[in-house]
Amino acid sequence: MSWKVIFVNERAEVEVKALPMDMQARFARLTDMFRNNGPVGMREP
């Protein structure tokens, strides 16, 4: 099953885009992991 990641509202999207590039990259990596594996595939470090 393929999962979708969407922003709750436009303000949330603006805030993520305002993050430093390293944090945006981490956010992108985590959302990709979620899209591919769903919530069961996520774990704490």
C-alpha atoms as a PDB file:
ATOM      1  CA  MET A   1       0.000   0.000   0.000  1.00  0.00           C
ATOM      2  CA  SER A   2       1.240   3.459  -0.867  1.00  0.00           C
ATOM      3  CA  TRP A   3       0.825   6.179   1.751  1.00  0.00           C
ATOM      4  CA  LYS A   4       0.370   9.898   1.155  1.00  0.00           C
ATOM      5  CA  VAL A   5       1.892  12.721   3.137  1.00  0.00           C
ATOM      6  CA  ILE A   6       0.008  16.004   2.913  1.00  0.00           C
ATOM      7  CA  PHE A   7       0.267  19.266   4.787  1.00  0.00           C
ATOM      8  CA  VAL A   8      -2.531  20.087   7.195  1.00  0.00           C
ATOM      9  CA  ASN A   9      -2.730  23.612   5.833  1.00  0.00           C
ATOM     10  CA  GLU A  10      -0.744  26.159   3.854  1.00  0.00           C
ATOM     11  CA  ARG A  11       0.837  27.618   6.992  1.00  0.00           C
ATOM     12  CA  ALA A  12       2.414  24.250   7.853  1.00  0.00           C
ATOM     13  CA  GLU A  13       3.871  23.983   4.361  1.00  0.00           C
ATOM     14  CA  VAL A  14       5.294  27.517   4.581  1.00  0.00           C
ATOM     15  CA  GLU A  15       6.900  26.704   7.938  1.00  0.00           C
ATOM     16  CA  VAL A  16       8.550  23.561   6.594  1.00  0.00           C
ATOM     17  CA  LYS A  17       9.890  25.479   3.587  1.00  0.00           C
ATOM     18  CA  ALA A  18      11.299  28.108   5.969  1.00  0.00           C
ATOM     19  CA  LEU A  19      13.388  25.510   7.820  1.00  0.00           C
ATOM     20  CA  PRO A  20      17.151  25.342   7.229  1.00  0.00           C
ATOM     21  CA  MET A  21      18.101  23.088   4.310  1.00  0.00           C
ATOM     22  CA  ASP A  22      19.443  20.302   6.549  1.00  0.00           C
ATOM     23  CA  MET A  23      16.135  20.096   8.428  1.00  0.00           C
ATOM     24  CA  GLN A  24      14.174  20.164   5.156  1.00  0.00           C
ATOM     25  CA  ALA A  25      16.298  17.262   3.919  1.00  0.00           C
ATOM     26  CA  ARG A  26      15.599  15.293   7.092  1.00  0.00           C
ATOM     27  CA  PHE A  27      11.870  16.031   6.777  1.00  0.00           C
ATOM     28  CA  ALA A  28      11.951  14.851   3.147  1.00  0.00           C
ATOM     29  CA  ARG A  29      13.768  11.643   4.125  1.00  0.00           C
ATOM     30  CA  LEU A  30      11.250  10.894   6.889  1.00  0.00           C
ATOM     31  CA  THR A  31       8.258  11.561   4.643  1.00  0.00           C
ATOM     32  CA  ASP A  32       9.758   9.290   1.969  1.00  0.00           C
ATOM     33  CA  MET A  33      10.205   6.545   4.563  1.00  0.00           C
ATOM     34  CA  PHE A  34       6.587   6.994   5.635  1.00  0.00           C
ATOM     35  CA  ARG A  35       5.309   6.933   2.042  1.00  0.00           C
ATOM     36  CA  ASN A  36       7.174   3.704   1.338  1.00  0.00           C
ATOM     37  CA  ASN A  37       6.646   1.857   4.631  1.00  0.00           C
ATOM     38  CA  GLY A  38       3.671   3.447   6.361  1.00  0.00           C
ATOM     39  CA  PRO A  39       3.493   4.006  10.092  1.00  0.00           C
ATOM     40  CA  VAL A  40       4.515   0.430  10.915  1.00  0.00           C
ATOM     41  CA  GLY A  41       7.863   0.931   9.173  1.00  0.00           C
ATOM     42  CA  MET A  42       8.726   3.974  11.246  1.00  0.00           C
ATOM     43  CA  ARG A  43      10.832   3.596  14.367  1.00  0.00           C
ATOM     44  CA  GLU A  44      12.683   5.672  16.883  1.00  0.00           C
ATOM     45  CA  PRO A  45      16.425   6.129  16.360  1.00  0.00           C
END
